[in-house]
Amino acid sequence: MQAMGVATARMLREDFPLQHLRDSLEGIDACVIKPRQAHSSRGVLSLKRMDAITFNCLQLRRPIRLVEILEHLYAEMREHQFPNHWQLEELLLPPSGLLRPVDDFKFYAFRGHAAMILQVARGQHGQRYRWYDRDWCPIDTGKYDGALDATLLPPRNPRALLAVAERVSASLSVPFCRIDLYETYQGVVLGELTAVPGTYHAFSDQADTYLGAFFELASCLE
């Protein structure tokens, strides 16, 4: 990504167990803590330091003490059965600069062409979603039907997001990869490349057929 000029979230600490969280947070005023092997944002917290043991949690929108952070993360790890390997990344803020989690824009991309886009907003009451086609028109896919939110605002600069997603997709030697981007105060930032998105079985038959046609076409171009 660096060679392509695509910004990525800066890594602050890599691969530590929760037992070392306090030491890992030493000298860090703002960060995102996340497990190295999980899905659907399990165990992800955005934190802004208030004092030695208290942080403002952007998802919960309230102060949270270190002991509460540990209790929450241990509970997430037990419930969802992922390993005790964690990392800290830089805290990214939305274009407004407000202290809240950035929205995630996930591009289902096939050899440089985005077939659909999922917007994920994370907040106090969980995650909300909105689907778009490549032209940023809202669509239905059958997935996350119980948590769709038509009031979510589209990105401020949709063309910039789409351009980065399709450029990254075109550079990969695989028919499909989901390109996960953030629209931030600093510009477009790559979150991760997701080769096998979860809960793919939840798409409607129509959306499944649509994505399958893109995959078959992209596979023929190898």
Protein backbone atom coordinates (compact mmCIF):
# COMPACT_ATOMS: atom_id res chain seq x y z
CA MET A 1 0.00 0.00 0.00
CA GLN A 2 2.87 2.36 0.74
CA ALA A 3 4.31 1.78 -2.73
CA MET A 4 0.88 2.57 -4.23
CA GLY A 5 0.48 5.73 -2.15
CA VAL A 6 -2.49 4.31 -0.24
CA ALA A 7 -2.65 5.41 3.41
CA THR A 8 -3.07 2.76 6.12
CA ALA A 9 -3.73 3.01 9.84
CA ARG A 10 -0.44 3.31 11.74
CA MET A 11 0.34 0.37 14.03
CA LEU A 12 1.20 1.43 17.59
CA ARG A 13 1.64 -1.95 19.30
CA GLU A 14 1.58 -5.45 17.79
CA ASP A 15 0.64 -8.87 19.13
CA PHE A 16 0.36 -8.68 22.91
CA PRO A 17 -1.93 -10.57 25.37
CA LEU A 18 -4.54 -8.73 27.41
CA GLN A 19 -2.43 -9.31 30.52
CA HIS A 20 -0.02 -6.72 29.07
CA LEU A 21 -2.63 -4.16 28.05
CA ARG A 22 -1.73 -1.57 30.67
CA ASP A 23 1.94 -1.68 29.70
CA SER A 24 1.04 -1.59 25.99
CA LEU A 25 -1.05 1.56 26.53
CA GLU A 26 1.81 3.34 28.28
CA GLY A 27 2.58 6.64 26.54
CA ILE A 28 -0.39 6.35 24.14
CA ASP A 29 -3.10 9.03 24.36
CA ALA A 30 -5.44 7.74 21.64
CA CYS A 31 -5.77 4.37 19.89
CA VAL A 32 -8.01 1.59 18.64
CA ILE A 33 -7.59 -1.77 20.34
CA LYS A 34 -8.58 -4.82 18.31
CA PRO A 35 -7.98 -8.57 18.30
CA ARG A 36 -5.67 -9.86 15.58
CA GLN A 37 -7.97 -12.78 14.71
CA ALA A 38 -11.68 -11.97 14.98
CA HIS A 39 -14.55 -10.75 12.81
CA SER A 40 -17.44 -8.28 12.71
CA SER A 41 -15.57 -5.81 14.94
CA ARG A 42 -15.67 -8.13 17.96
CA GLY A 43 -13.48 -6.71 20.69
CA VAL A 44 -12.79 -3.39 18.93
CA LEU A 45 -12.71 -0.26 21.11
CA SER A 46 -11.71 3.29 20.17
CA LEU A 47 -10.09 5.02 23.13
CA LYS A 48 -9.01 8.55 24.04
CA ARG A 49 -7.05 8.87 27.29
CA MET A 50 -8.47 11.00 30.11
CA ASP A 51 -6.02 10.06 32.88
CA ALA A 52 -3.68 7.21 33.83
CA ILE A 53 -6.43 4.55 34.01
CA THR A 54 -9.48 6.19 32.40
CA PHE A 55 -10.34 6.53 28.71
CA ASN A 56 -13.18 8.04 26.75
CA CYS A 57 -14.64 5.13 24.73
CA LEU A 58 -15.97 6.41 21.41
CA GLN A 59 -18.28 3.44 20.85
CA LEU A 60 -19.88 3.63 24.30
CA ARG A 61 -19.69 7.45 24.38
CA ARG A 62 -18.66 7.51 28.02
CA PRO A 63 -15.56 7.26 30.21
CA ILE A 64 -14.37 3.71 30.86
CA ARG A 65 -11.71 2.61 33.33
CA LEU A 66 -8.94 0.17 32.48
CA VAL A 67 -10.51 -2.58 34.59
CA GLU A 68 -13.78 -2.18 32.64
CA ILE A 69 -11.90 -2.33 29.35
CA LEU A 70 -10.27 -5.58 30.40
CA GLU A 71 -13.57 -7.07 31.61
CA HIS A 72 -15.23 -6.17 28.31
CA LEU A 73 -12.43 -7.56 26.15
CA TYR A 74 -12.09 -10.79 28.14
CA ALA A 75 -15.86 -11.30 27.83
CA GLU A 76 -15.70 -10.75 24.06
CA MET A 77 -12.81 -13.21 23.77
CA ARG A 78 -14.63 -15.90 25.78
CA GLU A 79 -17.94 -15.46 23.96
CA HIS A 80 -16.52 -15.44 20.43
CA GLN A 81 -13.60 -17.81 20.96
CA PHE A 82 -10.76 -15.88 19.37
CA PRO A 83 -7.10 -16.05 20.54
CA ASN A 84 -5.57 -13.74 23.14
CA HIS A 85 -3.56 -11.75 20.58
CA TRP A 86 -4.23 -8.00 20.36
CA GLN A 87 -2.91 -4.89 18.66
CA LEU A 88 -3.18 -1.11 18.97
CA GLU A 89 -3.69 1.11 15.93
CA GLU A 90 -3.84 4.88 15.59
CA LEU A 91 -7.23 6.45 16.26
CA LEU A 92 -8.80 7.75 13.05
CA LEU A 93 -11.47 10.46 13.21
CA PRO A 94 -14.23 11.26 10.68
CA PRO A 95 -13.97 14.18 8.22
CA SER A 96 -15.86 16.40 10.68
CA GLY A 97 -13.08 15.90 13.24
CA LEU A 98 -15.66 14.92 15.87
CA LEU A 99 -14.58 12.43 18.51
CA ARG A 100 -16.55 9.41 17.29
CA PRO A 101 -15.74 6.18 15.42
CA VAL A 102 -15.24 6.53 11.67
CA ASP A 103 -17.67 4.75 9.38
CA ASP A 104 -16.34 1.73 7.52
CA PHE A 105 -16.93 1.41 3.75
CA LYS A 106 -16.48 -2.16 2.51
CA PHE A 107 -16.16 -2.59 -1.26
CA TYR A 108 -17.01 -5.99 -2.75
CA ALA A 109 -14.53 -5.69 -5.59
CA PHE A 110 -13.67 -7.95 -8.52
CA ARG A 111 -10.44 -7.23 -10.41
CA GLY A 112 -10.79 -3.48 -10.18
CA HIS A 113 -14.58 -3.18 -10.29
CA ALA A 114 -16.73 -2.61 -7.19
CA ALA A 115 -20.00 -4.52 -7.40
CA MET A 116 -21.51 -3.22 -4.14
CA ILE A 117 -20.54 -1.28 -1.03
CA LEU A 118 -21.43 -1.82 2.63
CA GLN A 119 -21.39 1.11 5.04
CA VAL A 120 -20.91 0.20 8.72
CA ALA A 121 -21.52 2.72 11.50
CA ARG A 122 -20.53 1.74 15.04
CA GLY A 123 -22.07 3.39 18.05
CA GLN A 124 -23.46 3.12 21.52
CA HIS A 125 -26.23 0.69 20.54
CA GLY A 126 -24.28 -1.57 18.23
CA GLN A 127 -23.67 -1.52 14.50
CA ARG A 128 -25.89 -0.10 11.76
CA TYR A 129 -25.60 -0.77 8.05
CA ARG A 130 -26.44 0.61 4.63
CA TRP A 131 -25.82 -0.94 1.20
CA TYR A 132 -25.01 0.91 -2.04
CA ASP A 133 -24.35 0.03 -5.65
CA ARG A 134 -21.27 1.36 -7.43
CA ASP A 135 -23.08 4.67 -8.13
CA TRP A 136 -23.87 5.08 -4.42
CA CYS A 137 -27.58 4.40 -4.85
CA PRO A 138 -29.03 2.50 -1.84
CA ILE A 139 -29.82 -1.16 -2.53
CA ASP A 140 -31.13 -4.22 -0.67
CA THR A 141 -29.03 -7.37 -0.43
CA GLY A 142 -30.87 -9.38 2.23
CA LYS A 143 -27.88 -9.15 4.55
CA TYR A 144 -28.20 -7.25 7.87
CA ASP A 145 -31.88 -6.57 7.12
CA GLY A 146 -32.59 -6.24 10.84
CA ALA A 147 -30.00 -3.50 11.32
CA LEU A 148 -30.26 -1.39 8.17
CA ASP A 149 -30.43 2.38 8.71
CA ALA A 150 -31.53 4.59 5.83
CA THR A 151 -30.56 7.69 7.83
CA LEU A 152 -26.83 6.94 7.59
CA LEU A 153 -25.19 9.68 5.56
CA PRO A 154 -23.14 8.61 2.53
CA PRO A 155 -19.47 9.61 2.45
CA ARG A 156 -18.47 13.20 1.78
CA ASN A 157 -16.18 12.18 -1.06
CA PRO A 158 -17.58 8.97 -2.56
CA ARG A 159 -15.49 9.23 -5.73
CA ALA A 160 -12.25 9.25 -3.76
CA LEU A 161 -13.25 6.13 -1.82
CA LEU A 162 -14.34 4.30 -4.97
CA ALA A 163 -11.15 5.24 -6.81
CA VAL A 164 -8.90 3.90 -4.04
CA ALA A 165 -10.94 0.71 -3.64
CA GLU A 166 -10.87 -0.11 -7.34
CA ARG A 167 -7.19 0.75 -7.70
CA VAL A 168 -6.27 -1.55 -4.81
CA SER A 169 -8.54 -4.29 -6.17
CA ALA A 170 -6.97 -4.06 -9.64
CA SER A 171 -3.50 -4.52 -8.11
CA LEU A 172 -4.38 -7.89 -6.53
CA SER A 173 -3.80 -11.23 -8.27
CA VAL A 174 -7.14 -12.71 -7.15
CA PRO A 175 -10.64 -12.54 -8.69
CA PHE A 176 -12.23 -11.12 -5.53
CA CYS A 177 -11.27 -9.26 -2.38
CA ARG A 178 -13.30 -6.99 -0.15
CA ILE A 179 -11.50 -3.67 0.21
CA ASP A 180 -12.27 -2.03 3.57
CA LEU A 181 -11.73 1.73 3.70
CA TYR A 182 -12.28 4.60 6.12
CA GLU A 183 -13.18 8.16 5.20
CA THR A 184 -11.21 10.16 7.75
CA TYR A 185 -10.14 13.67 8.64
CA GLN A 186 -6.81 12.83 6.98
CA GLY A 187 -8.44 11.42 3.82
CA VAL A 188 -9.07 7.87 2.60
CA VAL A 189 -7.36 5.22 4.74
CA LEU A 190 -7.22 1.48 4.10
CA GLY A 191 -8.47 -0.62 7.00
CA GLU A 192 -7.83 -4.12 5.69
CA LEU A 193 -8.12 -6.52 2.78
CA THR A 194 -10.75 -9.19 3.49
CA ALA A 195 -10.34 -12.21 1.25
CA VAL A 196 -13.26 -14.19 2.74
CA PRO A 197 -15.98 -11.94 4.26
CA GLY A 198 -18.10 -13.63 6.90
CA THR A 199 -21.83 -14.49 6.85
CA TYR A 200 -21.80 -14.70 3.06
CA HIS A 201 -24.73 -17.12 3.31
CA ALA A 202 -27.00 -14.24 4.45
CA PHE A 203 -27.29 -12.60 1.03
CA SER A 204 -30.60 -12.88 -0.80
CA ASP A 205 -30.72 -15.20 -3.83
CA GLN A 206 -30.71 -12.17 -6.12
CA ALA A 207 -27.63 -10.60 -4.49
CA ASP A 208 -25.89 -13.97 -4.36
CA THR A 209 -26.45 -14.52 -8.08
CA TYR A 210 -25.28 -10.98 -8.83
CA LEU A 211 -22.04 -11.40 -6.88
CA GLY A 212 -21.53 -14.87 -8.32
CA ALA A 213 -21.74 -13.53 -11.87
CA PHE A 214 -19.03 -10.97 -11.07
CA PHE A 215 -16.86 -13.70 -9.55
CA GLU A 216 -17.22 -15.98 -12.56
CA LEU A 217 -16.36 -13.16 -14.95
CA ALA A 218 -13.36 -12.08 -12.85
CA SER A 219 -12.15 -15.70 -12.67
CA CYS A 220 -12.18 -15.94 -16.47
CA LEU A 221 -9.78 -12.99 -16.65
CA GLU A 222 -6.94 -14.82 -14.87
